[in-house]
N, C-alpha and C. Protein backbone atom coordinates (compact mmCIF):
# COMPACT_ATOMS: atom_id res chain seq x y z
N UNK A 1 17.44 37.44 -131.23
CA UNK A 1 16.57 36.40 -131.43
C UNK A 1 15.90 35.91 -130.36
N UNK A 2 14.69 35.40 -130.27
CA UNK A 2 13.71 35.10 -129.27
C UNK A 2 13.75 33.96 -128.74
N UNK A 3 13.19 32.99 -127.59
CA UNK A 3 13.42 31.92 -127.53
C UNK A 3 11.73 31.46 -128.45
N UNK A 4 11.69 30.13 -128.28
CA UNK A 4 10.64 29.25 -128.94
C UNK A 4 9.91 29.24 -127.17
N UNK A 5 8.59 29.01 -127.67
CA UNK A 5 8.05 28.75 -126.40
C UNK A 5 8.04 27.49 -125.78
N UNK A 6 7.78 27.39 -124.33
CA UNK A 6 7.63 26.25 -123.73
C UNK A 6 6.33 25.50 -123.79
N UNK A 7 6.39 24.71 -124.07
CA UNK A 7 4.86 23.67 -124.31
C UNK A 7 4.52 22.85 -122.63
N UNK A 8 5.57 23.14 -121.62
CA UNK A 8 5.01 22.86 -120.20
C UNK A 8 5.53 23.67 -119.15
N UNK A 9 4.94 23.79 -118.04
CA UNK A 9 5.82 23.99 -116.56
C UNK A 9 5.09 25.87 -117.23
N UNK A 10 3.89 25.91 -117.54
CA UNK A 10 3.46 26.80 -117.61
C UNK A 10 2.00 26.76 -116.28
N UNK A 11 1.76 27.90 -116.07
CA UNK A 11 0.13 28.27 -115.04
C UNK A 11 -0.67 28.59 -115.81
N UNK A 12 -1.62 28.16 -115.84
CA UNK A 12 -2.91 29.60 -116.39
C UNK A 12 -3.45 30.29 -115.94
N UNK A 13 -3.48 30.85 -115.64
CA UNK A 13 -3.93 32.18 -114.94
C UNK A 13 -4.93 32.90 -115.79
N UNK A 14 -6.31 32.45 -115.95
CA UNK A 14 -7.14 33.02 -116.67
C UNK A 14 -6.91 32.79 -118.74
N UNK A 15 -6.74 34.04 -119.26
CA UNK A 15 -6.58 33.34 -120.63
C UNK A 15 -4.68 33.80 -120.45
N UNK A 16 -3.75 33.99 -120.05
CA UNK A 16 -2.83 33.71 -119.67
C UNK A 16 -1.57 33.03 -119.32
N UNK A 17 -0.94 31.86 -119.89
CA UNK A 17 -0.55 31.13 -119.26
C UNK A 17 1.17 31.68 -119.03
N UNK A 18 1.40 31.38 -117.68
CA UNK A 18 2.08 31.98 -117.13
C UNK A 18 3.64 31.29 -116.62
N UNK A 19 4.73 31.55 -117.00
CA UNK A 19 6.05 30.87 -116.61
C UNK A 19 6.34 31.21 -115.36
N UNK A 20 6.47 29.72 -114.67
CA UNK A 20 6.68 29.27 -113.26
C UNK A 20 8.05 30.08 -112.57
N UNK A 21 8.50 30.51 -111.79
CA UNK A 21 9.81 30.82 -111.26
C UNK A 21 10.80 29.49 -111.38
N UNK A 22 9.89 28.36 -111.16
CA UNK A 22 10.78 27.46 -111.10
C UNK A 22 11.57 27.19 -112.40
N UNK A 23 10.50 27.01 -113.80
CA UNK A 23 10.89 27.25 -114.93
C UNK A 23 11.88 28.01 -115.19
N UNK A 24 11.91 29.09 -114.58
CA UNK A 24 12.62 30.20 -114.79
C UNK A 24 14.26 29.88 -114.60
N UNK A 25 14.45 29.64 -113.17
CA UNK A 25 15.36 29.36 -112.62
C UNK A 25 15.95 27.91 -113.26
N UNK A 26 15.26 27.12 -113.87
CA UNK A 26 15.95 26.09 -114.28
C UNK A 26 16.92 26.50 -115.82
N UNK A 27 16.02 27.30 -116.30
CA UNK A 27 16.62 27.84 -117.92
C UNK A 27 17.58 28.97 -117.66
N UNK A 28 17.33 29.80 -116.38
CA UNK A 28 18.82 30.58 -116.01
C UNK A 28 20.10 29.31 -115.63
N UNK A 29 19.79 28.40 -114.84
CA UNK A 29 20.80 27.31 -114.75
C UNK A 29 21.23 26.83 -115.46
N UNK A 30 20.85 26.44 -116.56
CA UNK A 30 20.78 25.76 -117.95
C UNK A 30 21.95 26.44 -118.93
N UNK A 31 21.45 27.99 -118.98
CA UNK A 31 22.39 28.80 -119.44
C UNK A 31 23.52 29.50 -118.83
N UNK A 32 23.99 28.60 -117.79
CA UNK A 32 25.18 29.29 -116.55
C UNK A 32 24.98 30.62 -116.00
N UNK A 33 23.93 31.02 -115.82
CA UNK A 33 23.66 32.11 -115.22
C UNK A 33 23.76 31.76 -113.55
N UNK A 34 24.55 32.62 -112.66
CA UNK A 34 24.30 32.79 -111.52
C UNK A 34 23.73 33.82 -110.83
N UNK A 35 23.75 33.74 -109.25
CA UNK A 35 23.33 34.38 -108.17
C UNK A 35 21.97 34.75 -108.58
N UNK A 36 21.31 34.19 -109.02
CA UNK A 36 19.71 34.57 -109.28
C UNK A 36 18.62 34.00 -108.24
N UNK A 37 19.01 33.41 -107.61
CA UNK A 37 18.06 32.59 -106.42
C UNK A 37 17.51 33.65 -105.67
N UNK A 38 17.54 35.01 -105.38
CA UNK A 38 17.15 35.93 -104.68
C UNK A 38 16.55 36.89 -105.72
N UNK A 39 16.59 36.28 -106.69
CA UNK A 39 15.53 37.74 -107.88
C UNK A 39 14.38 37.31 -107.86
N UNK A 40 13.78 38.77 -108.19
CA UNK A 40 12.58 38.69 -108.27
C UNK A 40 12.13 38.01 -110.10
N UNK A 41 10.82 37.51 -109.91
CA UNK A 41 10.66 37.13 -111.12
C UNK A 41 10.93 37.77 -112.71
N UNK A 42 10.21 38.72 -112.72
CA UNK A 42 11.12 39.84 -113.79
C UNK A 42 12.49 40.09 -114.08
N UNK A 43 13.24 40.41 -112.85
CA UNK A 43 14.80 40.14 -113.05
C UNK A 43 15.27 38.55 -113.71
N UNK A 44 14.71 37.51 -113.10
CA UNK A 44 15.21 36.45 -113.84
C UNK A 44 15.07 36.47 -115.40
N UNK A 45 13.91 37.18 -115.88
CA UNK A 45 13.20 37.41 -117.11
C UNK A 45 14.10 38.55 -117.98
N UNK A 46 14.86 39.49 -117.25
CA UNK A 46 15.55 39.88 -117.63
C UNK A 46 17.27 39.78 -118.50
N UNK A 47 17.48 38.96 -117.12
CA UNK A 47 18.59 38.30 -117.25
C UNK A 47 19.10 37.23 -118.37
N UNK A 48 17.86 36.28 -118.38
CA UNK A 48 17.67 35.29 -119.34
C UNK A 48 17.57 36.27 -120.62
N UNK A 49 16.93 36.93 -120.88
CA UNK A 49 16.83 37.85 -122.44
C UNK A 49 18.27 38.08 -122.34
N UNK A 50 18.70 38.80 -121.57
CA UNK A 50 20.21 39.29 -121.78
C UNK A 50 21.21 38.38 -122.02
N UNK A 51 21.09 37.13 -121.66
CA UNK A 51 21.89 36.21 -121.89
C UNK A 51 21.79 35.64 -123.34
N UNK A 52 20.54 35.83 -123.55
CA UNK A 52 20.35 35.01 -125.16
C UNK A 52 20.48 36.31 -126.18
N UNK A 53 21.02 37.46 -126.14
CA UNK A 53 21.50 38.45 -126.87
C UNK A 53 20.10 39.42 -127.00
N UNK A 54 18.99 39.17 -126.16
CA UNK A 54 17.98 40.39 -126.66
C UNK A 54 18.45 41.47 -125.60
N UNK A 55 17.41 42.32 -125.86
CA UNK A 55 16.66 43.67 -125.02
C UNK A 55 16.44 43.22 -123.76
N UNK A 56 16.48 43.39 -122.64
CA UNK A 56 16.06 43.14 -120.90
C UNK A 56 14.59 44.10 -121.33
N UNK A 57 13.79 43.57 -121.91
CA UNK A 57 12.51 44.63 -121.98
C UNK A 57 11.06 43.85 -121.76
N UNK A 58 11.35 43.04 -121.07
CA UNK A 58 10.30 42.45 -120.06
C UNK A 58 9.46 42.99 -119.44
N UNK A 59 8.06 43.74 -119.84
CA UNK A 59 7.09 44.59 -118.80
C UNK A 59 7.77 46.24 -119.67
N UNK A 60 8.34 46.21 -120.35
CA UNK A 60 8.41 47.97 -120.35
C UNK A 60 8.80 48.43 -121.66
N UNK A 61 7.69 47.65 -122.19
CA UNK A 61 7.36 47.93 -124.03
C UNK A 61 6.21 47.77 -124.39
N UNK A 62 5.30 48.77 -123.99
CA UNK A 62 3.52 48.35 -124.16
C UNK A 62 3.00 47.77 -125.80
N UNK A 63 4.07 48.70 -126.43
CA UNK A 63 3.23 48.00 -127.74
C UNK A 63 4.48 47.19 -128.42
N UNK A 64 4.97 46.07 -127.85
CA UNK A 64 5.80 45.05 -128.29
C UNK A 64 5.41 44.61 -129.51
N UNK A 65 5.99 44.65 -130.73
CA UNK A 65 6.04 43.92 -131.90
C UNK A 65 6.85 42.44 -131.97
N UNK A 66 7.49 42.08 -130.79
CA UNK A 66 8.09 40.76 -130.92
C UNK A 66 7.23 39.77 -130.86
N UNK A 67 6.84 39.17 -131.71
CA UNK A 67 5.70 38.22 -131.60
C UNK A 67 6.51 36.68 -131.20
N UNK A 68 7.30 36.31 -131.39
CA UNK A 68 8.38 35.26 -131.10
C UNK A 68 8.66 34.77 -129.63
N UNK A 69 8.36 35.74 -128.87
CA UNK A 69 9.70 36.02 -127.37
C UNK A 69 8.37 34.99 -126.14
N UNK A 70 9.30 34.16 -126.07
CA UNK A 70 8.97 33.59 -124.88
C UNK A 70 8.09 33.81 -123.89
N UNK A 71 8.29 35.12 -123.52
CA UNK A 71 7.57 35.67 -122.57
C UNK A 71 6.50 36.26 -123.03
N UNK A 72 6.50 36.72 -124.25
CA UNK A 72 4.78 37.44 -124.68
C UNK A 72 3.88 37.94 -123.88
N UNK A 73 3.49 36.68 -124.08
CA UNK A 73 1.78 36.39 -123.19
C UNK A 73 2.04 36.89 -122.09
N UNK A 74 2.83 36.85 -120.92
CA UNK A 74 2.65 37.38 -119.33
C UNK A 74 3.25 38.33 -119.89
N UNK A 75 3.71 39.32 -120.81
CA UNK A 75 4.29 40.75 -121.30
C UNK A 75 3.03 41.83 -121.31
N UNK A 76 2.50 41.65 -122.51
CA UNK A 76 1.73 42.17 -122.79
C UNK A 76 0.30 42.54 -121.92
C-alpha cells in the first residue's frame, strides 16, 4: 500500500514537485522511525517505504507501474 500524495511542503523543480527533506524527516518521526537524521534523502525515502510495508524501490525501478506512490513524480 502506498501513501497518498501530500498537497503541501513540496518544492517545484521544473515540472516535478519534489518533497523536501524536512517533510521526509517529519513523516519519519511521525512513523516512529529513529536514527535517520544523517541519512540522505533517498535513504529516508527507502526507510519510509519499508516502514509502510512497501518495497524500498525509490529510484531503482525504471519502468515502475505503481501510480499512487507518494514519491512517484520525483522517482521516475
